[in-house]
Amino acid sequence: MSHVAMSAGGLCLDPKWFLVKTKALNETRVHKRLTGAGYEVLFPKISRKSKRHRGLIEVRPLFPTYLFVRFDGDELKTIKYTHGVARVICFGLEPHEVGEEIIAAVRARMNGEGIVKLEPKRVTLSPGQRVKIGEGPFAGLDAIFVEEMPDRERVVLLLDAVSSYRLTIEKDSLER
């Protein structure tokens, strides 16, 4: 629900934060277009070691294909039809408002360049412990922890489905 206030120019809506889904790899373009048009846009990013190129640091969106955009409800069409936008996240016909506390929490973790510092997962595992793989091609599968690799970023698992299949994956890919 928007709060309506009267101004000298007539009706004026109170802008709220909404979640905008962009087309794949269009976050930066949409961010530039909307900020250039005067909208307040929150585009949190992370920097991490490249998995493809050793020694390189990549800057990537924290929430791929999503931006937080502040606008009046009557500007929905303008946002929706911005080149590179897939849609504005709605429940029913109304755009879904993002609470100020969420925006504040995201902002508090961002530095001046919009980079969010993620705390590395402190996963401590013991041999024989059951784990679930949370991401990658084996996501959702149950496994048994065997050992941690010397680089401390990868682990060796036995897949439950095929108990003789040893698998080495990134430690960050695990869920408890």
N, C-alpha and C. Protein backbone atom coordinates (compact mmCIF):
# COMPACT_ATOMS: atom_id res chain seq x y z
N MET A 1 0.84 -1.19 0.00
CA MET A 1 0.00 0.00 0.00
C MET A 1 0.88 1.25 0.00
N SER A 2 0.58 2.18 -0.88
CA SER A 2 1.35 3.42 -0.93
C SER A 2 0.68 4.47 -0.05
N HIS A 3 1.51 5.28 0.56
CA HIS A 3 0.98 6.41 1.31
C HIS A 3 0.85 7.57 0.34
N VAL A 4 -0.29 8.22 0.34
CA VAL A 4 -0.50 9.32 -0.58
C VAL A 4 -0.38 10.63 0.20
N ALA A 5 0.41 11.54 -0.33
CA ALA A 5 0.57 12.84 0.31
C ALA A 5 0.23 13.91 -0.72
N MET A 6 -0.24 15.03 -0.24
CA MET A 6 -0.57 16.13 -1.16
C MET A 6 0.62 17.08 -1.22
N SER A 7 0.94 17.50 -2.41
CA SER A 7 1.98 18.50 -2.57
C SER A 7 1.39 19.64 -3.38
N ALA A 8 2.15 20.71 -3.53
CA ALA A 8 1.66 21.88 -4.28
C ALA A 8 1.27 21.49 -5.70
N GLY A 9 1.98 20.50 -6.26
CA GLY A 9 1.70 20.07 -7.63
C GLY A 9 0.56 19.08 -7.73
N GLY A 10 -0.09 18.74 -6.63
CA GLY A 10 -1.19 17.78 -6.68
C GLY A 10 -0.81 16.50 -5.95
N LEU A 11 -1.19 15.37 -6.54
CA LEU A 11 -0.98 14.07 -5.92
C LEU A 11 0.48 13.65 -6.02
N CYS A 12 1.04 13.11 -4.94
CA CYS A 12 2.42 12.64 -4.98
C CYS A 12 2.52 11.38 -4.14
N LEU A 13 3.02 10.30 -4.72
CA LEU A 13 3.12 9.04 -4.00
C LEU A 13 4.46 8.93 -3.29
N ASP A 14 4.45 8.18 -2.21
CA ASP A 14 5.66 7.98 -1.41
C ASP A 14 6.44 6.81 -2.02
N PRO A 15 7.66 7.05 -2.56
CA PRO A 15 8.37 5.93 -3.20
C PRO A 15 8.76 4.84 -2.21
N LYS A 16 8.67 3.59 -2.64
CA LYS A 16 9.02 2.42 -1.83
C LYS A 16 10.08 1.63 -2.58
N TRP A 17 10.71 0.67 -1.87
CA TRP A 17 11.69 -0.21 -2.48
C TRP A 17 10.99 -1.45 -3.03
N PHE A 18 11.39 -1.84 -4.24
CA PHE A 18 10.84 -3.03 -4.88
C PHE A 18 11.99 -3.85 -5.45
N LEU A 19 11.71 -5.13 -5.71
CA LEU A 19 12.71 -6.03 -6.27
C LEU A 19 12.47 -6.14 -7.77
N VAL A 20 13.50 -5.82 -8.54
CA VAL A 20 13.40 -5.85 -10.00
C VAL A 20 14.28 -6.98 -10.51
N LYS A 21 13.69 -7.86 -11.32
CA LYS A 21 14.44 -8.97 -11.93
C LYS A 21 14.89 -8.53 -13.31
N THR A 22 16.21 -8.64 -13.55
CA THR A 22 16.74 -8.27 -14.87
C THR A 22 16.88 -9.51 -15.73
N LYS A 23 17.08 -9.30 -17.01
CA LYS A 23 17.43 -10.42 -17.88
C LYS A 23 18.86 -10.83 -17.51
N ALA A 24 19.24 -12.06 -17.83
CA ALA A 24 20.56 -12.58 -17.46
C ALA A 24 21.67 -11.63 -17.91
N LEU A 25 22.62 -11.38 -17.02
CA LEU A 25 23.81 -10.55 -17.26
C LEU A 25 23.49 -9.09 -17.62
N ASN A 26 22.30 -8.62 -17.26
CA ASN A 26 21.91 -7.23 -17.55
C ASN A 26 21.89 -6.34 -16.31
N GLU A 27 22.36 -6.85 -15.15
CA GLU A 27 22.27 -6.08 -13.91
C GLU A 27 22.96 -4.72 -14.04
N THR A 28 24.19 -4.71 -14.57
CA THR A 28 24.96 -3.46 -14.65
C THR A 28 24.28 -2.47 -15.60
N ARG A 29 23.82 -2.95 -16.76
CA ARG A 29 23.14 -2.07 -17.73
C ARG A 29 21.88 -1.44 -17.13
N VAL A 30 21.06 -2.29 -16.49
CA VAL A 30 19.81 -1.79 -15.89
C VAL A 30 20.14 -0.82 -14.76
N HIS A 31 21.15 -1.14 -13.95
CA HIS A 31 21.57 -0.25 -12.87
C HIS A 31 21.92 1.13 -13.43
N LYS A 32 22.73 1.15 -14.51
CA LYS A 32 23.13 2.43 -15.13
C LYS A 32 21.94 3.18 -15.70
N ARG A 33 21.04 2.45 -16.38
CA ARG A 33 19.87 3.10 -16.99
C ARG A 33 18.97 3.72 -15.92
N LEU A 34 18.69 2.97 -14.87
CA LEU A 34 17.77 3.47 -13.85
C LEU A 34 18.38 4.58 -13.00
N THR A 35 19.67 4.44 -12.63
CA THR A 35 20.29 5.54 -11.86
C THR A 35 20.41 6.77 -12.75
N GLY A 36 20.69 6.57 -14.03
CA GLY A 36 20.77 7.69 -14.98
C GLY A 36 19.43 8.41 -15.12
N ALA A 37 18.34 7.66 -14.93
CA ALA A 37 16.99 8.25 -15.01
C ALA A 37 16.56 8.84 -13.67
N GLY A 38 17.47 8.79 -12.67
CA GLY A 38 17.17 9.43 -11.39
C GLY A 38 16.60 8.52 -10.32
N TYR A 39 16.56 7.22 -10.57
CA TYR A 39 16.04 6.30 -9.56
C TYR A 39 17.15 5.90 -8.59
N GLU A 40 16.74 5.60 -7.36
CA GLU A 40 17.68 5.09 -6.37
C GLU A 40 17.72 3.58 -6.55
N VAL A 41 18.91 3.04 -6.79
CA VAL A 41 19.05 1.60 -7.07
C VAL A 41 20.12 1.03 -6.15
N LEU A 42 19.84 -0.11 -5.57
CA LEU A 42 20.80 -0.81 -4.73
C LEU A 42 21.26 -2.04 -5.50
N PHE A 43 22.57 -2.11 -5.77
CA PHE A 43 23.13 -3.21 -6.57
C PHE A 43 24.32 -3.80 -5.81
N PRO A 44 24.06 -4.65 -4.80
CA PRO A 44 25.15 -5.23 -4.03
C PRO A 44 25.94 -6.25 -4.85
N LYS A 45 27.28 -6.21 -4.68
CA LYS A 45 28.16 -7.12 -5.43
C LYS A 45 29.11 -7.82 -4.45
N ILE A 46 29.71 -8.89 -4.92
CA ILE A 46 30.73 -9.58 -4.14
C ILE A 46 31.98 -9.69 -4.98
N SER A 47 33.13 -9.77 -4.32
CA SER A 47 34.36 -10.03 -5.07
C SER A 47 34.91 -11.33 -4.53
N ARG A 48 35.31 -12.19 -5.46
CA ARG A 48 35.88 -13.46 -5.03
C ARG A 48 36.87 -13.97 -6.06
N LYS A 49 37.67 -14.93 -5.62
CA LYS A 49 38.68 -15.50 -6.51
C LYS A 49 37.99 -16.17 -7.69
N SER A 50 38.50 -15.90 -8.89
CA SER A 50 37.94 -16.50 -10.09
C SER A 50 38.19 -18.01 -10.07
N LYS A 51 37.16 -18.76 -10.46
CA LYS A 51 37.32 -20.21 -10.53
C LYS A 51 37.97 -20.59 -11.86
N ARG A 52 37.89 -19.70 -12.85
CA ARG A 52 38.45 -19.99 -14.17
C ARG A 52 39.87 -19.50 -14.34
N HIS A 53 40.18 -18.34 -13.75
CA HIS A 53 41.49 -17.73 -13.95
C HIS A 53 42.20 -17.55 -12.61
N ARG A 54 43.25 -18.32 -12.42
CA ARG A 54 44.00 -18.25 -11.15
C ARG A 54 44.52 -16.84 -10.89
N GLY A 55 44.42 -16.41 -9.64
CA GLY A 55 44.96 -15.12 -9.25
C GLY A 55 44.08 -13.93 -9.59
N LEU A 56 43.01 -14.13 -10.34
CA LEU A 56 42.12 -13.03 -10.71
C LEU A 56 40.98 -12.91 -9.71
N ILE A 57 40.59 -11.69 -9.42
CA ILE A 57 39.45 -11.44 -8.54
C ILE A 57 38.29 -11.00 -9.43
N GLU A 58 37.14 -11.64 -9.27
CA GLU A 58 35.94 -11.29 -10.04
C GLU A 58 34.99 -10.50 -9.16
N VAL A 59 34.34 -9.51 -9.76
CA VAL A 59 33.27 -8.80 -9.06
C VAL A 59 31.97 -9.26 -9.71
N ARG A 60 31.09 -9.82 -8.89
CA ARG A 60 29.84 -10.39 -9.39
C ARG A 60 28.67 -9.88 -8.56
N PRO A 61 27.45 -9.93 -9.10
CA PRO A 61 26.29 -9.53 -8.31
C PRO A 61 26.09 -10.46 -7.11
N LEU A 62 25.73 -9.90 -5.97
CA LEU A 62 25.41 -10.72 -4.79
C LEU A 62 24.14 -11.52 -5.07
N PHE A 63 23.17 -10.88 -5.72
CA PHE A 63 21.92 -11.54 -6.09
C PHE A 63 21.81 -11.49 -7.62
N PRO A 64 22.38 -12.48 -8.32
CA PRO A 64 22.35 -12.43 -9.80
C PRO A 64 20.92 -12.22 -10.33
N THR A 65 20.80 -11.31 -11.29
CA THR A 65 19.57 -10.89 -11.97
C THR A 65 18.56 -10.14 -11.09
N TYR A 66 19.00 -9.64 -9.91
CA TYR A 66 18.09 -8.87 -9.07
C TYR A 66 18.72 -7.55 -8.63
N LEU A 67 17.90 -6.50 -8.65
CA LEU A 67 18.28 -5.18 -8.15
C LEU A 67 17.15 -4.69 -7.25
N PHE A 68 17.50 -3.87 -6.28
CA PHE A 68 16.49 -3.19 -5.47
C PHE A 68 16.32 -1.79 -6.05
N VAL A 69 15.09 -1.40 -6.35
CA VAL A 69 14.85 -0.10 -6.97
C VAL A 69 13.76 0.62 -6.18
N ARG A 70 13.98 1.91 -5.91
CA ARG A 70 13.01 2.71 -5.17
C ARG A 70 12.21 3.55 -6.17
N PHE A 71 10.89 3.36 -6.18
CA PHE A 71 10.05 4.14 -7.09
C PHE A 71 8.61 4.22 -6.58
N ASP A 72 7.85 5.15 -7.14
CA ASP A 72 6.42 5.29 -6.84
C ASP A 72 5.68 4.18 -7.55
N GLY A 73 4.60 3.69 -6.95
CA GLY A 73 3.79 2.64 -7.57
C GLY A 73 3.32 2.99 -8.97
N ASP A 74 3.06 4.29 -9.23
CA ASP A 74 2.57 4.67 -10.57
C ASP A 74 3.68 4.66 -11.62
N GLU A 75 4.92 4.40 -11.22
CA GLU A 75 6.04 4.32 -12.18
C GLU A 75 6.36 2.88 -12.56
N LEU A 76 5.49 1.95 -12.16
CA LEU A 76 5.71 0.53 -12.41
C LEU A 76 5.98 0.24 -13.89
N LYS A 77 5.16 0.81 -14.77
CA LYS A 77 5.32 0.55 -16.21
C LYS A 77 6.67 1.03 -16.71
N THR A 78 7.10 2.20 -16.25
CA THR A 78 8.40 2.76 -16.67
C THR A 78 9.51 1.78 -16.30
N ILE A 79 9.48 1.28 -15.09
CA ILE A 79 10.51 0.35 -14.63
C ILE A 79 10.41 -0.96 -15.41
N LYS A 80 9.19 -1.49 -15.51
CA LYS A 80 8.96 -2.77 -16.16
C LYS A 80 9.44 -2.79 -17.61
N TYR A 81 9.29 -1.66 -18.29
CA TYR A 81 9.64 -1.61 -19.71
C TYR A 81 11.02 -1.01 -19.97
N THR A 82 11.82 -0.87 -18.92
CA THR A 82 13.21 -0.43 -19.09
C THR A 82 13.96 -1.56 -19.78
N HIS A 83 14.76 -1.21 -20.79
CA HIS A 83 15.50 -2.22 -21.55
C HIS A 83 16.40 -3.03 -20.61
N GLY A 84 16.26 -4.36 -20.64
CA GLY A 84 17.06 -5.24 -19.80
C GLY A 84 16.32 -5.76 -18.58
N VAL A 85 15.14 -5.18 -18.28
CA VAL A 85 14.35 -5.64 -17.14
C VAL A 85 13.46 -6.79 -17.59
N ALA A 86 13.44 -7.87 -16.82
CA ALA A 86 12.55 -9.00 -17.12
C ALA A 86 11.17 -8.74 -16.51
N ARG A 87 11.17 -8.34 -15.22
CA ARG A 87 9.90 -8.01 -14.56
C ARG A 87 10.16 -7.41 -13.19
N VAL A 88 9.11 -6.84 -12.63
CA VAL A 88 9.14 -6.37 -11.25
C VAL A 88 8.45 -7.47 -10.45
N ILE A 89 9.05 -7.90 -9.34
CA ILE A 89 8.49 -9.00 -8.55
C ILE A 89 7.18 -8.53 -7.90
N CYS A 90 6.10 -9.25 -8.21
CA CYS A 90 4.77 -8.90 -7.71
C CYS A 90 4.14 -10.08 -7.00
N PHE A 91 3.24 -9.77 -6.07
CA PHE A 91 2.34 -10.77 -5.51
C PHE A 91 0.98 -10.38 -6.04
N GLY A 92 0.41 -11.21 -6.89
CA GLY A 92 -0.83 -10.83 -7.56
C GLY A 92 -0.49 -9.75 -8.56
N LEU A 93 -1.27 -8.68 -8.56
CA LEU A 93 -1.04 -7.59 -9.51
C LEU A 93 -0.18 -6.48 -8.93
N GLU A 94 -0.02 -6.49 -7.61
CA GLU A 94 0.74 -5.43 -6.94
C GLU A 94 2.22 -5.77 -6.82
N PRO A 95 3.11 -4.79 -7.10
CA PRO A 95 4.53 -5.06 -6.88
C PRO A 95 4.78 -5.31 -5.40
N HIS A 96 5.68 -6.25 -5.10
CA HIS A 96 5.96 -6.63 -3.72
C HIS A 96 6.99 -5.67 -3.12
N GLU A 97 6.56 -4.94 -2.09
CA GLU A 97 7.44 -3.97 -1.44
C GLU A 97 8.50 -4.68 -0.61
N VAL A 98 9.75 -4.17 -0.67
CA VAL A 98 10.85 -4.69 0.14
C VAL A 98 10.98 -3.77 1.34
N GLY A 99 10.98 -4.34 2.54
CA GLY A 99 11.03 -3.55 3.77
C GLY A 99 12.33 -2.76 3.91
N GLU A 100 12.21 -1.60 4.53
CA GLU A 100 13.38 -0.73 4.77
C GLU A 100 14.46 -1.45 5.58
N GLU A 101 14.04 -2.38 6.48
CA GLU A 101 15.02 -3.08 7.31
C GLU A 101 15.91 -3.99 6.46
N ILE A 102 15.36 -4.54 5.38
CA ILE A 102 16.15 -5.38 4.47
C ILE A 102 17.14 -4.50 3.72
N ILE A 103 16.66 -3.37 3.21
CA ILE A 103 17.53 -2.43 2.49
C ILE A 103 18.65 -1.96 3.42
N ALA A 104 18.31 -1.61 4.65
CA ALA A 104 19.31 -1.15 5.62
C ALA A 104 20.33 -2.24 5.91
N ALA A 105 19.89 -3.50 6.03
CA ALA A 105 20.80 -4.61 6.33
C ALA A 105 21.76 -4.84 5.17
N VAL A 106 21.27 -4.75 3.93
CA VAL A 106 22.13 -4.93 2.75
C VAL A 106 23.12 -3.77 2.67
N ARG A 107 22.60 -2.54 2.83
CA ARG A 107 23.46 -1.34 2.78
C ARG A 107 24.58 -1.39 3.82
N ALA A 108 24.24 -1.86 5.02
CA ALA A 108 25.23 -1.90 6.11
C ALA A 108 26.41 -2.81 5.79
N ARG A 109 26.20 -3.78 4.91
CA ARG A 109 27.27 -4.72 4.55
C ARG A 109 28.05 -4.28 3.32
N MET A 110 27.60 -3.20 2.65
CA MET A 110 28.25 -2.74 1.42
C MET A 110 29.31 -1.68 1.72
N ASN A 111 30.42 -1.73 0.96
CA ASN A 111 31.41 -0.65 1.08
C ASN A 111 31.09 0.41 0.02
N GLY A 112 31.95 1.39 -0.15
CA GLY A 112 31.72 2.49 -1.09
C GLY A 112 31.53 2.07 -2.54
N GLU A 113 32.12 0.92 -2.92
CA GLU A 113 31.99 0.44 -4.30
C GLU A 113 30.81 -0.52 -4.45
N GLY A 114 30.03 -0.69 -3.39
CA GLY A 114 28.88 -1.59 -3.46
C GLY A 114 29.25 -3.04 -3.21
N ILE A 115 30.48 -3.29 -2.74
CA ILE A 115 30.93 -4.66 -2.50
C ILE A 115 30.52 -5.10 -1.09
N VAL A 116 29.92 -6.28 -1.01
CA VAL A 116 29.51 -6.87 0.26
C VAL A 116 30.59 -7.86 0.69
N LYS A 117 31.04 -7.75 1.93
CA LYS A 117 32.04 -8.69 2.45
C LYS A 117 31.30 -9.88 3.04
N LEU A 118 31.48 -11.04 2.43
CA LEU A 118 30.83 -12.24 2.93
C LEU A 118 31.74 -12.92 3.94
N GLU A 119 31.17 -13.39 5.00
CA GLU A 119 31.93 -14.15 5.99
C GLU A 119 32.10 -15.56 5.45
N PRO A 120 33.34 -16.05 5.36
CA PRO A 120 33.50 -17.43 4.86
C PRO A 120 32.84 -18.42 5.83
N LYS A 121 32.24 -19.46 5.25
CA LYS A 121 31.61 -20.47 6.09
C LYS A 121 32.69 -21.21 6.85
N ARG A 122 32.51 -21.29 8.15
CA ARG A 122 33.44 -22.06 8.98
C ARG A 122 32.85 -23.46 9.11
N VAL A 123 33.07 -24.28 8.10
CA VAL A 123 32.51 -25.62 8.12
C VAL A 123 33.53 -26.55 8.76
N THR A 124 33.17 -27.11 9.91
CA THR A 124 34.06 -28.09 10.52
C THR A 124 33.36 -29.43 10.41
N LEU A 125 34.04 -30.35 9.76
CA LEU A 125 33.46 -31.66 9.50
C LEU A 125 34.36 -32.74 10.06
N SER A 126 33.73 -33.85 10.41
CA SER A 126 34.54 -34.99 10.87
C SER A 126 34.26 -36.16 9.95
N PRO A 127 35.27 -37.00 9.70
CA PRO A 127 35.09 -38.15 8.80
C PRO A 127 33.87 -38.97 9.18
N GLY A 128 33.09 -39.33 8.17
CA GLY A 128 31.88 -40.11 8.39
C GLY A 128 30.63 -39.28 8.57
N GLN A 129 30.81 -37.95 8.73
CA GLN A 129 29.65 -37.06 8.93
C GLN A 129 28.83 -36.95 7.65
N ARG A 130 27.50 -36.99 7.79
CA ARG A 130 26.60 -36.85 6.64
C ARG A 130 26.45 -35.38 6.29
N VAL A 131 26.50 -35.06 5.00
CA VAL A 131 26.33 -33.69 4.52
C VAL A 131 25.41 -33.70 3.32
N LYS A 132 24.90 -32.52 2.98
CA LYS A 132 24.09 -32.37 1.77
C LYS A 132 24.83 -31.39 0.88
N ILE A 133 24.91 -31.69 -0.41
CA ILE A 133 25.58 -30.80 -1.35
C ILE A 133 24.58 -29.71 -1.73
N GLY A 134 24.97 -28.45 -1.54
CA GLY A 134 24.04 -27.34 -1.70
C GLY A 134 24.06 -26.68 -3.07
N GLU A 135 25.13 -26.85 -3.85
CA GLU A 135 25.17 -26.20 -5.16
C GLU A 135 26.03 -26.99 -6.11
N GLY A 136 25.96 -26.64 -7.39
CA GLY A 136 26.73 -27.33 -8.42
C GLY A 136 25.95 -28.49 -9.01
N PRO A 137 26.60 -29.29 -9.85
CA PRO A 137 25.89 -30.37 -10.56
C PRO A 137 25.37 -31.47 -9.64
N PHE A 138 25.91 -31.56 -8.40
CA PHE A 138 25.47 -32.60 -7.47
C PHE A 138 24.54 -32.04 -6.39
N ALA A 139 24.05 -30.83 -6.60
CA ALA A 139 23.19 -30.17 -5.61
C ALA A 139 22.02 -31.06 -5.22
N GLY A 140 21.76 -31.11 -3.91
CA GLY A 140 20.63 -31.87 -3.40
C GLY A 140 20.98 -33.30 -3.00
N LEU A 141 22.15 -33.77 -3.41
CA LEU A 141 22.53 -35.15 -3.08
C LEU A 141 23.14 -35.23 -1.69
N ASP A 142 22.87 -36.34 -1.03
CA ASP A 142 23.46 -36.60 0.29
C ASP A 142 24.80 -37.30 0.09
N ALA A 143 25.73 -37.01 0.99
CA ALA A 143 27.06 -37.61 0.87
C ALA A 143 27.65 -37.80 2.27
N ILE A 144 28.78 -38.47 2.31
CA ILE A 144 29.50 -38.69 3.56
C ILE A 144 30.87 -38.02 3.42
N PHE A 145 31.21 -37.19 4.42
CA PHE A 145 32.49 -36.48 4.41
C PHE A 145 33.63 -37.48 4.64
N VAL A 146 34.66 -37.40 3.78
CA VAL A 146 35.82 -38.28 3.92
C VAL A 146 37.00 -37.49 4.49
N GLU A 147 37.42 -36.42 3.77
CA GLU A 147 38.56 -35.64 4.23
C GLU A 147 38.57 -34.27 3.57
N GLU A 148 39.33 -33.36 4.19
CA GLU A 148 39.51 -32.02 3.64
C GLU A 148 40.81 -32.03 2.83
N MET A 149 40.82 -31.33 1.70
CA MET A 149 42.02 -31.26 0.86
C MET A 149 43.01 -30.27 1.49
N PRO A 150 44.31 -30.38 1.15
CA PRO A 150 45.33 -29.48 1.74
C PRO A 150 45.03 -27.99 1.53
N ASP A 151 44.34 -27.61 0.42
CA ASP A 151 44.05 -26.18 0.18
C ASP A 151 42.97 -25.65 1.13
N ARG A 152 42.33 -26.53 1.90
CA ARG A 152 41.28 -26.20 2.87
C ARG A 152 40.04 -25.59 2.24
N GLU A 153 39.98 -25.55 0.90
CA GLU A 153 38.79 -25.02 0.23
C GLU A 153 37.97 -26.13 -0.41
N ARG A 154 38.58 -27.32 -0.52
CA ARG A 154 37.89 -28.44 -1.14
C ARG A 154 37.82 -29.62 -0.18
N VAL A 155 36.82 -30.48 -0.41
CA VAL A 155 36.65 -31.65 0.44
C VAL A 155 36.40 -32.88 -0.44
N VAL A 156 36.69 -34.04 0.12
CA VAL A 156 36.42 -35.31 -0.56
C VAL A 156 35.19 -35.91 0.11
N LEU A 157 34.21 -36.32 -0.71
CA LEU A 157 32.97 -36.90 -0.21
C LEU A 157 32.72 -38.25 -0.87
N LEU A 158 31.95 -39.08 -0.21
CA LEU A 158 31.41 -40.29 -0.83
C LEU A 158 29.93 -40.03 -1.07
N LEU A 159 29.50 -40.21 -2.30
CA LEU A 159 28.08 -40.00 -2.60
C LEU A 159 27.27 -41.15 -2.04
N ASP A 160 26.16 -40.84 -1.37
CA ASP A 160 25.27 -41.87 -0.82
C ASP A 160 24.73 -42.77 -1.93
N ALA A 161 24.34 -42.16 -3.03
CA ALA A 161 23.71 -42.90 -4.12
C ALA A 161 24.65 -43.96 -4.69
N VAL A 162 25.93 -43.63 -4.76
CA VAL A 162 26.93 -44.56 -5.31
C VAL A 162 28.08 -44.56 -4.31
N SER A 163 28.01 -45.43 -3.33
CA SER A 163 28.94 -45.34 -2.20
C SER A 163 30.41 -45.48 -2.57
N SER A 164 30.68 -46.00 -3.75
CA SER A 164 32.09 -46.14 -4.13
C SER A 164 32.59 -44.91 -4.90
N TYR A 165 31.70 -43.93 -5.14
CA TYR A 165 32.08 -42.76 -5.94
C TYR A 165 32.63 -41.66 -5.05
N ARG A 166 33.95 -41.43 -5.14
CA ARG A 166 34.59 -40.35 -4.38
C ARG A 166 34.51 -39.08 -5.19
N LEU A 167 34.18 -38.00 -4.54
CA LEU A 167 33.94 -36.73 -5.22
C LEU A 167 34.70 -35.64 -4.49
N THR A 168 35.42 -34.79 -5.21
CA THR A 168 36.11 -33.65 -4.61
C THR A 168 35.39 -32.39 -5.05
N ILE A 169 34.89 -31.61 -4.10
CA ILE A 169 34.17 -30.37 -4.44
C ILE A 169 34.60 -29.24 -3.51
N GLU A 170 34.19 -28.00 -3.89
CA GLU A 170 34.46 -26.82 -3.07
C GLU A 170 33.73 -26.96 -1.74
N LYS A 171 34.40 -26.62 -0.66
CA LYS A 171 33.80 -26.72 0.66
C LYS A 171 32.58 -25.80 0.78
N ASP A 172 32.62 -24.65 0.10
CA ASP A 172 31.50 -23.70 0.16
C ASP A 172 30.23 -24.28 -0.42
N SER A 173 30.33 -25.37 -1.20
CA SER A 173 29.15 -25.96 -1.83
C SER A 173 28.33 -26.82 -0.87
N LEU A 174 28.82 -26.98 0.36
CA LEU A 174 28.14 -27.86 1.31
C LEU A 174 27.11 -27.14 2.14
N GLU A 175 26.05 -27.89 2.49
CA GLU A 175 25.07 -27.44 3.48
C GLU A 175 25.18 -28.42 4.63
N ARG A 176 24.70 -28.06 5.76
CA ARG A 176 24.71 -28.99 6.89
C ARG A 176 23.52 -29.92 6.79
